[in-house]
Amino acid sequence: MDKERVFTLSQITQHKSKQDCWILINGRVLDVTKFLEEHPGGEEVLIESAGKDATKEFEDIGHSKAAKNLLLKYQVGYIQGYKIPDESELDLNLVTDSLKETKAKEMKAFVIKEDSQPKYMVFVEYFVPFLIAAFFLYYRYLTGNLQL
């Protein structure tokens, strides 16, 4: 089919069965009938969104780049009123998407700082209070103030 074919929303809503399943994602009309059995989330997810705009659901799940590339494979056209991007806009969108992914990865990263405290201080922090308590109890035992 021609990928630049234009459909109305009423035409898309007619394709909402297991035998004929179309969805709308980001202005693209997709015929996912052959993909129903392959879908990792199960065919029910796609059938539930059949004949509707599933952009929000698609974006909320956080699909991989491979999944986003599959959109082009199953695309049969565009929704009426959608501006078809030209080649330069597609390249710009790919660059923008990769920048967003890079920023998202940077935000998830964390830095492990060097511990400024020497290693023997950990021993001192735990052993010295224990040692003081032991001496106190021994002193009380020797003076006879400790009742056992």
C-alpha atoms as a PDB file:
ATOM      1  CA  MET A   1       0.000   0.000   0.000  1.00  0.00           C
ATOM      2  CA  ASP A   2       1.023   3.614  -0.477  1.00  0.00           C
ATOM      3  CA  LYS A   3       2.513   4.981   2.740  1.00  0.00           C
ATOM      4  CA  GLU A   4       1.362   8.499   1.857  1.00  0.00           C
ATOM      5  CA  ARG A   5      -2.296   7.525   1.648  1.00  0.00           C
ATOM      6  CA  VAL A   6      -4.584   9.705   3.799  1.00  0.00           C
ATOM      7  CA  PHE A   7      -7.335   8.264   5.998  1.00  0.00           C
ATOM      8  CA  THR A   8     -10.056   9.849   8.109  1.00  0.00           C
ATOM      9  CA  LEU A   9     -10.647   8.834  11.706  1.00  0.00           C
ATOM     10  CA  SER A  10     -13.977   7.272  10.734  1.00  0.00           C
ATOM     11  CA  GLN A  11     -12.184   5.046   8.209  1.00  0.00           C
ATOM     12  CA  ILE A  12      -9.705   3.932  10.862  1.00  0.00           C
ATOM     13  CA  THR A  13     -12.452   3.104  13.382  1.00  0.00           C
ATOM     14  CA  GLN A  14     -13.864   0.536  10.935  1.00  0.00           C
ATOM     15  CA  HIS A  15     -10.716  -1.597  11.346  1.00  0.00           C
ATOM     16  CA  LYS A  16     -10.989  -2.826  14.918  1.00  0.00           C
ATOM     17  CA  SER A  17     -11.257  -6.581  14.753  1.00  0.00           C
ATOM     18  CA  LYS A  18      -8.733  -9.378  15.127  1.00  0.00           C
ATOM     19  CA  GLN A  19      -8.955 -10.046  11.383  1.00  0.00           C
ATOM     20  CA  ASP A  20      -8.491  -6.363  10.443  1.00  0.00           C
ATOM     21  CA  CYS A  21      -6.668  -4.309  13.093  1.00  0.00           C
ATOM     22  CA  TRP A  22      -5.535  -0.726  12.463  1.00  0.00           C
ATOM     23  CA  ILE A  23      -4.191   1.729  15.011  1.00  0.00           C
ATOM     24  CA  LEU A  24      -3.062   5.334  14.888  1.00  0.00           C
ATOM     25  CA  ILE A  25       0.285   6.363  16.398  1.00  0.00           C
ATOM     26  CA  ASN A  26       1.774   9.843  15.974  1.00  0.00           C
ATOM     27  CA  GLY A  27      -0.395  10.555  12.938  1.00  0.00           C
ATOM     28  CA  ARG A  28       0.609   7.307  11.226  1.00  0.00           C
ATOM     29  CA  VAL A  29      -2.035   4.744  10.331  1.00  0.00           C
ATOM     30  CA  LEU A  30      -0.734   1.236  11.003  1.00  0.00           C
ATOM     31  CA  ASP A  31      -2.189  -2.083   9.877  1.00  0.00           C
ATOM     32  CA  VAL A  32      -0.994  -4.343  12.708  1.00  0.00           C
ATOM     33  CA  THR A  33      -3.136  -7.355  11.817  1.00  0.00           C
ATOM     34  CA  LYS A  34      -0.086  -9.480  10.921  1.00  0.00           C
ATOM     35  CA  PHE A  35       1.757  -8.259  14.049  1.00  0.00           C
ATOM     36  CA  LEU A  36      -0.933  -9.304  16.557  1.00  0.00           C
ATOM     37  CA  GLU A  37       0.604 -12.701  17.328  1.00  0.00           C
ATOM     38  CA  GLU A  38       4.164 -11.320  17.425  1.00  0.00           C
ATOM     39  CA  HIS A  39       3.441  -8.437  19.803  1.00  0.00           C
ATOM     40  CA  PRO A  40       5.396  -8.989  23.047  1.00  0.00           C
ATOM     41  CA  GLY A  41       2.608  -7.500  25.155  1.00  0.00           C
ATOM     42  CA  GLY A  42       0.015  -9.823  23.649  1.00  0.00           C
ATOM     43  CA  GLU A  43      -2.558  -9.284  20.961  1.00  0.00           C
ATOM     44  CA  GLU A  44      -5.154  -8.067  23.468  1.00  0.00           C
ATOM     45  CA  VAL A  45      -3.243  -4.818  23.940  1.00  0.00           C
ATOM     46  CA  LEU A  46      -3.378  -4.041  20.236  1.00  0.00           C
ATOM     47  CA  ILE A  47      -6.998  -5.130  19.818  1.00  0.00           C
ATOM     48  CA  GLU A  48      -7.980  -2.886  22.731  1.00  0.00           C
ATOM     49  CA  SER A  49      -6.436   0.094  20.910  1.00  0.00           C
ATOM     50  CA  ALA A  50      -7.699  -0.941  17.467  1.00  0.00           C
ATOM     51  CA  GLY A  51      -9.488   1.747  15.497  1.00  0.00           C
ATOM     52  CA  LYS A  52      -8.252   4.448  17.886  1.00  0.00           C
ATOM     53  CA  ASP A  53      -5.365   6.817  18.449  1.00  0.00           C
ATOM     54  CA  ALA A  54      -2.897   4.780  20.522  1.00  0.00           C
ATOM     55  CA  THR A  55      -0.144   7.409  20.639  1.00  0.00           C
ATOM     56  CA  LYS A  56      -0.420   8.016  24.381  1.00  0.00           C
ATOM     57  CA  GLU A  57      -0.386   4.315  25.219  1.00  0.00           C
ATOM     58  CA  PHE A  58       2.563   3.714  22.878  1.00  0.00           C
ATOM     59  CA  GLU A  59       4.610   6.539  24.401  1.00  0.00           C
ATOM     60  CA  ASP A  60       3.674   5.644  28.003  1.00  0.00           C
ATOM     61  CA  ILE A  61       5.079   2.127  27.637  1.00  0.00           C
ATOM     62  CA  GLY A  62       8.472   3.430  26.540  1.00  0.00           C
ATOM     63  CA  HIS A  63       9.108   1.301  23.468  1.00  0.00           C
ATOM     64  CA  SER A  64      12.618   0.610  22.178  1.00  0.00           C
ATOM     65  CA  LYS A  65      14.105   2.041  18.996  1.00  0.00           C
ATOM     66  CA  ALA A  66      13.475  -1.280  17.284  1.00  0.00           C
ATOM     67  CA  ALA A  67       9.787  -1.077  18.164  1.00  0.00           C
ATOM     68  CA  LYS A  68       9.619   2.489  16.876  1.00  0.00           C
ATOM     69  CA  ASN A  69      11.252   1.383  13.626  1.00  0.00           C
ATOM     70  CA  LEU A  70       8.538  -1.281  13.237  1.00  0.00           C
ATOM     71  CA  LEU A  71       6.005   1.534  12.887  1.00  0.00           C
ATOM     72  CA  LEU A  72       7.334   2.202   9.403  1.00  0.00           C
ATOM     73  CA  LYS A  73       6.977  -1.472   8.444  1.00  0.00           C
ATOM     74  CA  TYR A  74       3.264  -1.592   9.279  1.00  0.00           C
ATOM     75  CA  GLN A  75       2.377   1.928   8.151  1.00  0.00           C
ATOM     76  CA  VAL A  76      -0.346   2.159   5.518  1.00  0.00           C
ATOM     77  CA  GLY A  77      -0.822   5.920   5.524  1.00  0.00           C
ATOM     78  CA  TYR A  78      -1.466   9.034   7.571  1.00  0.00           C
ATOM     79  CA  ILE A  79      -4.453  10.530   9.362  1.00  0.00           C
ATOM     80  CA  GLN A  80      -6.188  13.382   7.584  1.00  0.00           C
ATOM     81  CA  GLY A  81      -4.684  16.727   8.623  1.00  0.00           C
ATOM     82  CA  TYR A  82      -1.310  15.256   9.564  1.00  0.00           C
ATOM     83  CA  LYS A  83       1.651  17.042   7.990  1.00  0.00           C
ATOM     84  CA  ILE A  84       3.892  14.490   6.308  1.00  0.00           C
ATOM     85  CA  PRO A  85       7.496  15.229   7.336  1.00  0.00           C
ATOM     86  CA  ASP A  86      10.052  15.600   4.554  1.00  0.00           C
ATOM     87  CA  GLU A  87      13.508  14.019   4.638  1.00  0.00           C
ATOM     88  CA  SER A  88      15.227  16.938   6.412  1.00  0.00           C
ATOM     89  CA  GLU A  89      12.620  16.940   9.193  1.00  0.00           C
ATOM     90  CA  LEU A  90      12.993  13.175   9.611  1.00  0.00           C
ATOM     91  CA  ASP A  91      16.768  13.561  10.009  1.00  0.00           C
ATOM     92  CA  LEU A  92      16.236  16.386  12.499  1.00  0.00           C
ATOM     93  CA  ASN A  93      13.734  14.264  14.456  1.00  0.00           C
ATOM     94  CA  LEU A  94      16.218  11.377  14.611  1.00  0.00           C
ATOM     95  CA  VAL A  95      18.914  13.706  15.952  1.00  0.00           C
ATOM     96  CA  THR A  96      16.475  15.223  18.459  1.00  0.00           C
ATOM     97  CA  ASP A  97      15.343  11.762  19.594  1.00  0.00           C
ATOM     98  CA  SER A  98      18.922  10.600  20.086  1.00  0.00           C
ATOM     99  CA  LEU A  99      19.684  13.764  22.094  1.00  0.00           C
ATOM    100  CA  LYS A 100      16.647  13.129  24.295  1.00  0.00           C
ATOM    101  CA  GLU A 101      17.776   9.554  24.890  1.00  0.00           C
ATOM    102  CA  THR A 102      21.284  10.744  25.746  1.00  0.00           C
ATOM    103  CA  LYS A 103      19.917  13.298  28.215  1.00  0.00           C
ATOM    104  CA  ALA A 104      17.665  10.681  29.753  1.00  0.00           C
ATOM    105  CA  LYS A 105      20.630   8.356  30.199  1.00  0.00           C
ATOM    106  CA  GLU A 106      22.671  11.163  31.734  1.00  0.00           C
ATOM    107  CA  MET A 107      19.906  11.915  34.195  1.00  0.00           C
ATOM    108  CA  LYS A 108      19.742   8.297  35.299  1.00  0.00           C
ATOM    109  CA  ALA A 109      23.475   8.137  35.962  1.00  0.00           C
ATOM    110  CA  PHE A 110      24.917   8.739  39.401  1.00  0.00           C
ATOM    111  CA  VAL A 111      28.401   9.421  40.662  1.00  0.00           C
ATOM    112  CA  ILE A 112      30.117   7.410  43.362  1.00  0.00           C
ATOM    113  CA  LYS A 113      32.315   9.822  45.254  1.00  0.00           C
ATOM    114  CA  GLU A 114      35.565   8.850  46.864  1.00  0.00           C
ATOM    115  CA  ASP A 115      35.168   8.424  50.595  1.00  0.00           C
ATOM    116  CA  SER A 116      37.149  11.235  52.222  1.00  0.00           C
ATOM    117  CA  GLN A 117      37.273   9.345  55.529  1.00  0.00           C
ATOM    118  CA  PRO A 118      40.276   7.007  56.011  1.00  0.00           C
ATOM    119  CA  LYS A 119      39.515   3.309  56.298  1.00  0.00           C
ATOM    120  CA  TYR A 120      40.861   3.012  59.873  1.00  0.00           C
ATOM    121  CA  MET A 121      38.206   5.534  61.001  1.00  0.00           C
ATOM    122  CA  VAL A 122      35.487   2.969  60.387  1.00  0.00           C
ATOM    123  CA  PHE A 123      37.257   0.654  62.841  1.00  0.00           C
ATOM    124  CA  VAL A 124      37.680   3.490  65.357  1.00  0.00           C
ATOM    125  CA  GLU A 125      34.015   4.555  65.090  1.00  0.00           C
ATOM    126  CA  TYR A 126      32.755   1.111  66.087  1.00  0.00           C
ATOM    127  CA  PHE A 127      35.519  -0.325  68.233  1.00  0.00           C
ATOM    128  CA  VAL A 128      36.256   2.669  70.497  1.00  0.00           C
ATOM    129  CA  PRO A 129      32.669   2.991  71.867  1.00  0.00           C
ATOM    130  CA  PHE A 130      32.604  -0.757  72.472  1.00  0.00           C
ATOM    131  CA  LEU A 131      35.945  -0.555  74.259  1.00  0.00           C
ATOM    132  CA  ILE A 132      34.743   2.349  76.463  1.00  0.00           C
ATOM    133  CA  ALA A 133      31.586   0.437  77.413  1.00  0.00           C
ATOM    134  CA  ALA A 134      33.649  -2.642  78.273  1.00  0.00           C
ATOM    135  CA  PHE A 135      36.011  -0.639  80.508  1.00  0.00           C
ATOM    136  CA  PHE A 136      33.038   1.014  82.242  1.00  0.00           C
ATOM    137  CA  LEU A 137      31.422  -2.329  82.995  1.00  0.00           C
ATOM    138  CA  TYR A 138      34.763  -3.782  84.186  1.00  0.00           C
ATOM    139  CA  TYR A 139      35.290  -0.763  86.491  1.00  0.00           C
ATOM    140  CA  ARG A 140      31.810  -1.166  87.989  1.00  0.00           C
ATOM    141  CA  TYR A 141      32.471  -4.862  88.483  1.00  0.00           C
ATOM    142  CA  LEU A 142      35.757  -4.199  90.283  1.00  0.00           C
ATOM    143  CA  THR A 143      34.247  -1.545  92.576  1.00  0.00           C
ATOM    144  CA  GLY A 144      31.351  -3.813  93.452  1.00  0.00           C
ATOM    145  CA  ASN A 145      28.657  -1.487  92.103  1.00  0.00           C
ATOM    146  CA  LEU A 146      27.607  -3.977  89.464  1.00  0.00           C
ATOM    147  CA  GLN A 147      25.002  -6.456  90.666  1.00  0.00           C
ATOM    148  CA  LEU A 148      25.207  -9.771  88.796  1.00  0.00           C
END
